[in-house]
Amino acid sequence: MNFFRNLFPLRANLSDRPDIVLYTRRGCHLCEVAKETLLQQGHTPKEIDIDDDPELRARFDCCVPVVEIDGKIRFRGHVDKRLLRRLL
């Protein structure tokens, strides 16, 4: 059994879980799909509405949803399930 634990280490506790931020906006269907994809993988993202912040709106206006994992932008517009599993 230890053999498999070494091959596939589990995160020791919740503090080891990745920090996931979902930049979104109200009424965005792709944003809802991205959130559902993250939830299906067992991760609850911190959601930030870009329309509440002019700087974020200017930065991400045409490319929401944007998924940031541990401070690095990983997805824009579409979340690839296969790549998401690899990253998490």
PDB file of N, CA and C in Angstrom:
ATOM      1  N   MET A   1       0.818  -1.199   0.000  1.00  0.00           N
ATOM      2  CA  MET A   1       0.000   0.000   0.000  1.00  0.00           C
ATOM      3  C   MET A   1       0.862   1.264   0.000  1.00  0.00           C
ATOM      4  N   ASN A   2       1.995   1.235   0.698  1.00  0.00           N
ATOM      5  CA  ASN A   2       2.880   2.396   0.708  1.00  0.00           C
ATOM      6  C   ASN A   2       3.422   2.701  -0.674  1.00  0.00           C
ATOM      7  N   PHE A   3       3.559   1.673  -1.490  1.00  0.00           N
ATOM      8  CA  PHE A   3       4.034   1.862  -2.852  1.00  0.00           C
ATOM      9  C   PHE A   3       3.142   2.847  -3.600  1.00  0.00           C
ATOM     10  N   PHE A   4       1.819   2.668  -3.492  1.00  0.00           N
ATOM     11  CA  PHE A   4       0.884   3.551  -4.190  1.00  0.00           C
ATOM     12  C   PHE A   4       0.871   4.944  -3.591  1.00  0.00           C
ATOM     13  N   ARG A   5       1.060   5.052  -2.290  1.00  0.00           N
ATOM     14  CA  ARG A   5       1.121   6.380  -1.666  1.00  0.00           C
ATOM     15  C   ARG A   5       2.319   7.162  -2.181  1.00  0.00           C
ATOM     16  N   ASN A   6       3.420   6.474  -2.439  1.00  0.00           N
ATOM     17  CA  ASN A   6       4.597   7.158  -2.971  1.00  0.00           C
ATOM     18  C   ASN A   6       4.387   7.589  -4.425  1.00  0.00           C
ATOM     19  N   LEU A   7       3.667   6.789  -5.185  1.00  0.00           N
ATOM     20  CA  LEU A   7       3.395   7.147  -6.576  1.00  0.00           C
ATOM     21  C   LEU A   7       2.384   8.271  -6.695  1.00  0.00           C
ATOM     22  N   PHE A   8       1.377   8.249  -5.844  1.00  0.00           N
ATOM     23  CA  PHE A   8       0.300   9.213  -5.898  1.00  0.00           C
ATOM     24  C   PHE A   8       0.131   9.880  -4.533  1.00  0.00           C
ATOM     25  N   PRO A   9       1.032  10.769  -4.178  1.00  0.00           N
ATOM     26  CA  PRO A   9       0.942  11.377  -2.842  1.00  0.00           C
ATOM     27  C   PRO A   9      -0.327  12.207  -2.700  1.00  0.00           C
ATOM     28  N   LEU A  10      -0.976  12.063  -1.572  1.00  0.00           N
ATOM     29  CA  LEU A  10      -2.162  12.847  -1.274  1.00  0.00           C
ATOM     30  C   LEU A  10      -1.747  14.125  -0.577  1.00  0.00           C
ATOM     31  N   ARG A  11      -2.518  15.153  -0.779  1.00  0.00           N
ATOM     32  CA  ARG A  11      -2.239  16.399  -0.066  1.00  0.00           C
ATOM     33  C   ARG A  11      -2.494  16.146   1.409  1.00  0.00           C
ATOM     34  N   ALA A  12      -1.563  16.558   2.229  1.00  0.00           N
ATOM     35  CA  ALA A  12      -1.609  16.237   3.655  1.00  0.00           C
ATOM     36  C   ALA A  12      -2.789  16.876   4.365  1.00  0.00           C
ATOM     37  N   ASN A  13      -3.114  18.099   4.032  1.00  0.00           N
ATOM     38  CA  ASN A  13      -4.236  18.762   4.679  1.00  0.00           C
ATOM     39  C   ASN A  13      -4.799  19.825   3.752  1.00  0.00           C
ATOM     40  N   LEU A  14      -5.831  20.496   4.208  1.00  0.00           N
ATOM     41  CA  LEU A  14      -6.496  21.479   3.354  1.00  0.00           C
ATOM     42  C   LEU A  14      -5.600  22.657   2.994  1.00  0.00           C
ATOM     43  N   SER A  15      -4.622  22.971   3.849  1.00  0.00           N
ATOM     44  CA  SER A  15      -3.740  24.084   3.529  1.00  0.00           C
ATOM     45  C   SER A  15      -2.857  23.764   2.322  1.00  0.00           C
ATOM     46  N   ASP A  16      -2.721  22.485   1.984  1.00  0.00           N
ATOM     47  CA  ASP A  16      -1.952  22.081   0.806  1.00  0.00           C
ATOM     48  C   ASP A  16      -2.777  22.159  -0.477  1.00  0.00           C
ATOM     49  N   ARG A  17      -4.068  22.410  -0.340  1.00  0.00           N
ATOM     50  CA  ARG A  17      -4.923  22.496  -1.523  1.00  0.00           C
ATOM     51  C   ARG A  17      -4.561  23.742  -2.320  1.00  0.00           C
ATOM     52  N   PRO A  18      -4.671  23.681  -3.634  1.00  0.00           N
ATOM     53  CA  PRO A  18      -4.323  24.848  -4.444  1.00  0.00           C
ATOM     54  C   PRO A  18      -5.301  26.001  -4.208  1.00  0.00           C
ATOM     55  N   ASP A  19      -4.795  27.199  -4.346  1.00  0.00           N
ATOM     56  CA  ASP A  19      -5.612  28.401  -4.245  1.00  0.00           C
ATOM     57  C   ASP A  19      -6.172  28.675  -5.637  1.00  0.00           C
ATOM     58  N   ILE A  20      -7.491  28.574  -5.788  1.00  0.00           N
ATOM     59  CA  ILE A  20      -8.115  28.720  -7.104  1.00  0.00           C
ATOM     60  C   ILE A  20      -9.030  29.941  -7.099  1.00  0.00           C
ATOM     61  N   VAL A  21      -8.803  30.824  -8.073  1.00  0.00           N
ATOM     62  CA  VAL A  21      -9.631  32.016  -8.238  1.00  0.00           C
ATOM     63  C   VAL A  21     -10.296  31.934  -9.605  1.00  0.00           C
ATOM     64  N   LEU A  22     -11.601  32.180  -9.624  1.00  0.00           N
ATOM     65  CA  LEU A  22     -12.369  32.201 -10.871  1.00  0.00           C
ATOM     66  C   LEU A  22     -12.833  33.629 -11.112  1.00  0.00           C
ATOM     67  N   TYR A  23     -12.268  34.259 -12.143  1.00  0.00           N
ATOM     68  CA  TYR A  23     -12.702  35.601 -12.526  1.00  0.00           C
ATOM     69  C   TYR A  23     -13.886  35.429 -13.460  1.00  0.00           C
ATOM     70  N   THR A  24     -14.985  36.078 -13.131  1.00  0.00           N
ATOM     71  CA  THR A  24     -16.242  35.838 -13.814  1.00  0.00           C
ATOM     72  C   THR A  24     -17.022  37.134 -13.958  1.00  0.00           C
ATOM     73  N   ARG A  25     -18.210  37.031 -14.545  1.00  0.00           N
ATOM     74  CA  ARG A  25     -19.153  38.161 -14.574  1.00  0.00           C
ATOM     75  C   ARG A  25     -20.570  37.601 -14.600  1.00  0.00           C
ATOM     76  N   ARG A  26     -21.496  38.404 -14.130  1.00  0.00           N
ATOM     77  CA  ARG A  26     -22.903  37.984 -14.083  1.00  0.00           C
ATOM     78  C   ARG A  26     -23.424  37.694 -15.492  1.00  0.00           C
ATOM     79  N   GLY A  27     -24.206  36.627 -15.596  1.00  0.00           N
ATOM     80  CA  GLY A  27     -24.838  36.281 -16.862  1.00  0.00           C
ATOM     81  C   GLY A  27     -23.925  35.579 -17.860  1.00  0.00           C
ATOM     82  N   CYS A  28     -22.756  35.186 -17.442  1.00  0.00           N
ATOM     83  CA  CYS A  28     -21.794  34.527 -18.336  1.00  0.00           C
ATOM     84  C   CYS A  28     -21.979  33.013 -18.254  1.00  0.00           C
ATOM     85  N   HIS A  29     -22.480  32.433 -19.345  1.00  0.00           N
ATOM     86  CA  HIS A  29     -22.715  30.991 -19.375  1.00  0.00           C
ATOM     87  C   HIS A  29     -21.413  30.205 -19.241  1.00  0.00           C
ATOM     88  N   LEU A  30     -20.357  30.626 -19.928  1.00  0.00           N
ATOM     89  CA  LEU A  30     -19.079  29.924 -19.829  1.00  0.00           C
ATOM     90  C   LEU A  30     -18.519  29.970 -18.409  1.00  0.00           C
ATOM     91  N   CYS A  31     -18.798  31.053 -17.687  1.00  0.00           N
ATOM     92  CA  CYS A  31     -18.346  31.163 -16.298  1.00  0.00           C
ATOM     93  C   CYS A  31     -19.048  30.122 -15.429  1.00  0.00           C
ATOM     94  N   GLU A  32     -20.335  29.921 -15.685  1.00  0.00           N
ATOM     95  CA  GLU A  32     -21.087  28.909 -14.935  1.00  0.00           C
ATOM     96  C   GLU A  32     -20.553  27.510 -15.229  1.00  0.00           C
ATOM     97  N   VAL A  33     -20.214  27.247 -16.481  1.00  0.00           N
ATOM     98  CA  VAL A  33     -19.656  25.951 -16.864  1.00  0.00           C
ATOM     99  C   VAL A  33     -18.287  25.749 -16.204  1.00  0.00           C
ATOM    100  N   ALA A  34     -17.460  26.787 -16.178  1.00  0.00           N
ATOM    101  CA  ALA A  34     -16.137  26.691 -15.549  1.00  0.00           C
ATOM    102  C   ALA A  34     -16.271  26.400 -14.061  1.00  0.00           C
ATOM    103  N   LYS A  35     -17.187  27.082 -13.401  1.00  0.00           N
ATOM    104  CA  LYS A  35     -17.400  26.848 -11.967  1.00  0.00           C
ATOM    105  C   LYS A  35     -17.851  25.415 -11.724  1.00  0.00           C
ATOM    106  N   GLU A  36     -18.778  24.930 -12.520  1.00  0.00           N
ATOM    107  CA  GLU A  36     -19.269  23.562 -12.375  1.00  0.00           C
ATOM    108  C   GLU A  36     -18.149  22.548 -12.601  1.00  0.00           C
ATOM    109  N   THR A  37     -17.286  22.810 -13.569  1.00  0.00           N
ATOM    110  CA  THR A  37     -16.152  21.923 -13.835  1.00  0.00           C
ATOM    111  C   THR A  37     -15.224  21.859 -12.625  1.00  0.00           C
ATOM    112  N   LEU A  38     -14.937  23.009 -12.032  1.00  0.00           N
ATOM    113  CA  LEU A  38     -14.079  23.040 -10.839  1.00  0.00           C
ATOM    114  C   LEU A  38     -14.737  22.313  -9.675  1.00  0.00           C
ATOM    115  N   LEU A  39     -16.030  22.512  -9.490  1.00  0.00           N
ATOM    116  CA  LEU A  39     -16.746  21.842  -8.405  1.00  0.00           C
ATOM    117  C   LEU A  39     -16.751  20.326  -8.609  1.00  0.00           C
ATOM    118  N   GLN A  40     -16.921  19.879  -9.849  1.00  0.00           N
ATOM    119  CA  GLN A  40     -16.906  18.445 -10.146  1.00  0.00           C
ATOM    120  C   GLN A  40     -15.557  17.812  -9.808  1.00  0.00           C
ATOM    121  N   GLN A  41     -14.486  18.610  -9.889  1.00  0.00           N
ATOM    122  CA  GLN A  41     -13.150  18.113  -9.551  1.00  0.00           C
ATOM    123  C   GLN A  41     -12.871  18.226  -8.050  1.00  0.00           C
ATOM    124  N   GLY A  42     -13.861  18.691  -7.288  1.00  0.00           N
ATOM    125  CA  GLY A  42     -13.715  18.770  -5.838  1.00  0.00           C
ATOM    126  C   GLY A  42     -13.075  20.047  -5.331  1.00  0.00           C
ATOM    127  N   HIS A  43     -13.091  21.098  -6.142  1.00  0.00           N
ATOM    128  CA  HIS A  43     -12.474  22.364  -5.756  1.00  0.00           C
ATOM    129  C   HIS A  43     -13.500  23.483  -5.812  1.00  0.00           C
ATOM    130  N   THR A  44     -13.568  24.255  -4.736  1.00  0.00           N
ATOM    131  CA  THR A  44     -14.468  25.400  -4.680  1.00  0.00           C
ATOM    132  C   THR A  44     -13.636  26.655  -4.896  1.00  0.00           C
ATOM    133  N   PRO A  45     -13.810  27.306  -6.042  1.00  0.00           N
ATOM    134  CA  PRO A  45     -12.979  28.480  -6.329  1.00  0.00           C
ATOM    135  C   PRO A  45     -13.488  29.720  -5.595  1.00  0.00           C
ATOM    136  N   LYS A  46     -12.585  30.646  -5.377  1.00  0.00           N
ATOM    137  CA  LYS A  46     -12.963  31.975  -4.915  1.00  0.00           C
ATOM    138  C   LYS A  46     -13.416  32.713  -6.169  1.00  0.00           C
ATOM    139  N   GLU A  47     -14.644  33.220  -6.171  1.00  0.00           N
ATOM    140  CA  GLU A  47     -15.178  33.897  -7.351  1.00  0.00           C
ATOM    141  C   GLU A  47     -15.030  35.406  -7.220  1.00  0.00           C
ATOM    142  N   ILE A  48     -14.544  36.031  -8.281  1.00  0.00           N
ATOM    143  CA  ILE A  48     -14.405  37.480  -8.323  1.00  0.00           C
ATOM    144  C   ILE A  48     -15.089  37.981  -9.584  1.00  0.00           C
ATOM    145  N   ASP A  49     -16.070  38.870  -9.414  1.00  0.00           N
ATOM    146  CA  ASP A  49     -16.789  39.461 -10.537  1.00  0.00           C
ATOM    147  C   ASP A  49     -15.946  40.609 -11.083  1.00  0.00           C
ATOM    148  N   ILE A  50     -15.506  40.492 -12.316  1.00  0.00           N
ATOM    149  CA  ILE A  50     -14.625  41.510 -12.896  1.00  0.00           C
ATOM    150  C   ILE A  50     -15.327  42.852 -13.080  1.00  0.00           C
ATOM    151  N   ASP A  51     -16.649  42.852 -13.171  1.00  0.00           N
ATOM    152  CA  ASP A  51     -17.381  44.101 -13.366  1.00  0.00           C
ATOM    153  C   ASP A  51     -17.393  44.968 -12.113  1.00  0.00           C
ATOM    154  N   ASP A  52     -16.984  44.420 -10.973  1.00  0.00           N
ATOM    155  CA  ASP A  52     -16.921  45.190  -9.734  1.00  0.00           C
ATOM    156  C   ASP A  52     -15.604  45.947  -9.592  1.00  0.00           C
ATOM    157  N   ASP A  53     -14.647  45.702 -10.477  1.00  0.00           N
ATOM    158  CA  ASP A  53     -13.328  46.321 -10.389  1.00  0.00           C
ATOM    159  C   ASP A  53     -12.898  46.785 -11.786  1.00  0.00           C
ATOM    160  N   PRO A  54     -12.790  48.095 -12.013  1.00  0.00           N
ATOM    161  CA  PRO A  54     -12.436  48.595 -13.349  1.00  0.00           C
ATOM    162  C   PRO A  54     -11.114  48.035 -13.885  1.00  0.00           C
ATOM    163  N   GLU A  55     -10.142  47.810 -13.009  1.00  0.00           N
ATOM    164  CA  GLU A  55      -8.856  47.264 -13.446  1.00  0.00           C
ATOM    165  C   GLU A  55      -9.010  45.831 -13.954  1.00  0.00           C
ATOM    166  N   LEU A  56      -9.778  45.022 -13.218  1.00  0.00           N
ATOM    167  CA  LEU A  56     -10.018  43.639 -13.664  1.00  0.00           C
ATOM    168  C   LEU A  56     -10.854  43.611 -14.935  1.00  0.00           C
ATOM    169  N   ARG A  57     -11.834  44.508 -15.031  1.00  0.00           N
ATOM    170  CA  ARG A  57     -12.668  44.558 -16.230  1.00  0.00           C
ATOM    171  C   ARG A  57     -11.810  44.893 -17.454  1.00  0.00           C
ATOM    172  N   ALA A  58     -10.882  45.826 -17.300  1.00  0.00           N
ATOM    173  CA  ALA A  58      -9.998  46.185 -18.411  1.00  0.00           C
ATOM    174  C   ALA A  58      -9.067  45.027 -18.768  1.00  0.00           C
ATOM    175  N   ARG A  59      -8.634  44.285 -17.758  1.00  0.00           N
ATOM    176  CA  ARG A  59      -7.683  43.195 -17.976  1.00  0.00           C
ATOM    177  C   ARG A  59      -8.324  41.952 -18.598  1.00  0.00           C
ATOM    178  N   PHE A  60      -9.552  41.615 -18.148  1.00  0.00           N
ATOM    179  CA  PHE A  60     -10.174  40.346 -18.547  1.00  0.00           C
ATOM    180  C   PHE A  60     -11.485  40.511 -19.310  1.00  0.00           C
ATOM    181  N   ASP A  61     -11.785  41.681 -19.820  1.00  0.00           N
ATOM    182  CA  ASP A  61     -13.100  41.991 -20.373  1.00  0.00           C
ATOM    183  C   ASP A  61     -13.627  40.958 -21.360  1.00  0.00           C
ATOM    184  N   CYS A  62     -12.863  40.574 -22.325  1.00  0.00           N
ATOM    185  CA  CYS A  62     -13.349  39.687 -23.394  1.00  0.00           C
ATOM    186  C   CYS A  62     -12.934  38.228 -23.238  1.00  0.00           C
ATOM    187  N   CYS A  63     -12.385  37.869 -22.094  1.00  0.00           N
ATOM    188  CA  CYS A  63     -11.870  36.501 -22.012  1.00  0.00           C
ATOM    189  C   CYS A  63     -12.307  35.766 -20.747  1.00  0.00           C
ATOM    190  N   VAL A  64     -13.403  36.186 -20.110  1.00  0.00           N
ATOM    191  CA  VAL A  64     -13.894  35.431 -18.954  1.00  0.00           C
ATOM    192  C   VAL A  64     -14.575  34.167 -19.448  1.00  0.00           C
ATOM    193  N   PRO A  65     -14.544  33.107 -18.687  1.00  0.00           N
ATOM    194  CA  PRO A  65     -13.943  32.991 -17.372  1.00  0.00           C
ATOM    195  C   PRO A  65     -12.427  32.875 -17.451  1.00  0.00           C
ATOM    196  N   VAL A  66     -11.795  33.295 -16.368  1.00  0.00           N
ATOM    197  CA  VAL A  66     -10.353  33.143 -16.214  1.00  0.00           C
ATOM    198  C   VAL A  66     -10.141  32.368 -14.922  1.00  0.00           C
ATOM    199  N   VAL A  67      -9.349  31.311 -14.998  1.00  0.00           N
ATOM    200  CA  VAL A  67      -9.063  30.498 -13.817  1.00  0.00           C
ATOM    201  C   VAL A  67      -7.589  30.674 -13.460  1.00  0.00           C
ATOM    202  N   GLU A  68      -7.381  31.098 -12.222  1.00  0.00           N
ATOM    203  CA  GLU A  68      -6.035  31.281 -11.695  1.00  0.00           C
ATOM    204  C   GLU A  68      -5.798  30.214 -10.635  1.00  0.00           C
ATOM    205  N   ILE A  69      -4.710  29.477 -10.767  1.00  0.00           N
ATOM    206  CA  ILE A  69      -4.376  28.422  -9.803  1.00  0.00           C
ATOM    207  C   ILE A  69      -3.027  28.754  -9.187  1.00  0.00           C
ATOM    208  N   ASP A  70      -3.029  28.931  -7.878  1.00  0.00           N
ATOM    209  CA  ASP A  70      -1.814  29.285  -7.135  1.00  0.00           C
ATOM    210  C   ASP A  70      -1.099  30.485  -7.751  1.00  0.00           C
ATOM    211  N   GLY A  71      -1.882  31.510  -8.122  1.00  0.00           N
ATOM    212  CA  GLY A  71      -1.310  32.758  -8.609  1.00  0.00           C
ATOM    213  C   GLY A  71      -0.952  32.801 -10.079  1.00  0.00           C
ATOM    214  N   LYS A  72      -1.195  31.713 -10.790  1.00  0.00           N
ATOM    215  CA  LYS A  72      -0.857  31.665 -12.212  1.00  0.00           C
ATOM    216  C   LYS A  72      -2.109  31.416 -13.042  1.00  0.00           C
ATOM    217  N   ILE A  73      -2.320  32.248 -14.054  1.00  0.00           N
ATOM    218  CA  ILE A  73      -3.491  32.080 -14.917  1.00  0.00           C
ATOM    219  C   ILE A  73      -3.296  30.833 -15.762  1.00  0.00           C
ATOM    220  N   ARG A  74      -4.258  29.903 -15.644  1.00  0.00           N
ATOM    221  CA  ARG A  74      -4.163  28.619 -16.348  1.00  0.00           C
ATOM    222  C   ARG A  74      -5.174  28.470 -17.474  1.00  0.00           C
ATOM    223  N   PHE A  75      -6.341  29.131 -17.339  1.00  0.00           N
ATOM    224  CA  PHE A  75      -7.378  28.998 -18.360  1.00  0.00           C
ATOM    225  C   PHE A  75      -8.025  30.349 -18.617  1.00  0.00           C
ATOM    226  N   ARG A  76      -8.377  30.573 -19.872  1.00  0.00           N
ATOM    227  CA  ARG A  76      -9.158  31.748 -20.277  1.00  0.00           C
ATOM    228  C   ARG A  76     -10.243  31.267 -21.230  1.00  0.00           C
ATOM    229  N   GLY A  77     -11.479  31.611 -20.921  1.00  0.00           N
ATOM    230  CA  GLY A  77     -12.595  31.298 -21.811  1.00  0.00           C
ATOM    231  C   GLY A  77     -13.140  29.890 -21.705  1.00  0.00           C
ATOM    232  N   HIS A  78     -12.287  28.914 -21.564  1.00  0.00           N
ATOM    233  CA  HIS A  78     -12.726  27.515 -21.496  1.00  0.00           C
ATOM    234  C   HIS A  78     -11.788  26.757 -20.568  1.00  0.00           C
ATOM    235  N   VAL A  79     -12.362  25.906 -19.730  1.00  0.00           N
ATOM    236  CA  VAL A  79     -11.560  25.081 -18.828  1.00  0.00           C
ATOM    237  C   VAL A  79     -11.505  23.666 -19.391  1.00  0.00           C
ATOM    238  N   ASP A  80     -10.321  23.236 -19.770  1.00  0.00           N
ATOM    239  CA  ASP A  80     -10.121  21.891 -20.294  1.00  0.00           C
ATOM    240  C   ASP A  80     -10.061  20.920 -19.113  1.00  0.00           C
ATOM    241  N   LYS A  81     -11.012  20.008 -19.041  1.00  0.00           N
ATOM    242  CA  LYS A  81     -11.116  19.088 -17.900  1.00  0.00           C
ATOM    243  C   LYS A  81      -9.871  18.224 -17.733  1.00  0.00           C
ATOM    244  N   ARG A  82      -9.346  17.738 -18.826  1.00  0.00           N
ATOM    245  CA  ARG A  82      -8.178  16.856 -18.766  1.00  0.00           C
ATOM    246  C   ARG A  82      -6.950  17.601 -18.232  1.00  0.00           C
ATOM    247  N   LEU A  83      -6.717  18.797 -18.733  1.00  0.00           N
ATOM    248  CA  LEU A  83      -5.587  19.595 -18.263  1.00  0.00           C
ATOM    249  C   LEU A  83      -5.804  20.021 -16.810  1.00  0.00           C
ATOM    250  N   LEU A  84      -7.034  20.348 -16.449  1.00  0.00           N
ATOM    251  CA  LEU A  84      -7.332  20.713 -15.060  1.00  0.00           C
ATOM    252  C   LEU A  84      -6.969  19.592 -14.107  1.00  0.00           C
ATOM    253  N   ARG A  85      -7.325  18.357 -14.450  1.00  0.00           N
ATOM    254  CA  ARG A  85      -6.980  17.217 -13.598  1.00  0.00           C
ATOM    255  C   ARG A  85      -5.472  17.093 -13.440  1.00  0.00           C
ATOM    256  N   ARG A  86      -4.734  17.330 -14.493  1.00  0.00           N
ATOM    257  CA  ARG A  86      -3.269  17.241 -14.423  1.00  0.00           C
ATOM    258  C   ARG A  86      -2.683  18.326 -13.516  1.00  0.00           C
ATOM    259  N   LEU A  87      -3.267  19.517 -13.595  1.00  0.00           N
ATOM    260  CA  LEU A  87      -2.748  20.638 -12.806  1.00  0.00           C
ATOM    261  C   LEU A  87      -3.057  20.486 -11.322  1.00  0.00           C
ATOM    262  N   LEU A  88      -4.185  19.845 -11.024  1.00  0.00           N
ATOM    263  CA  LEU A  88      -4.599  19.741  -9.634  1.00  0.00           C
ATOM    264  C   LEU A  88      -4.198  18.399  -9.067  1.00  0.00           C
TER     265      LEU A  88
END
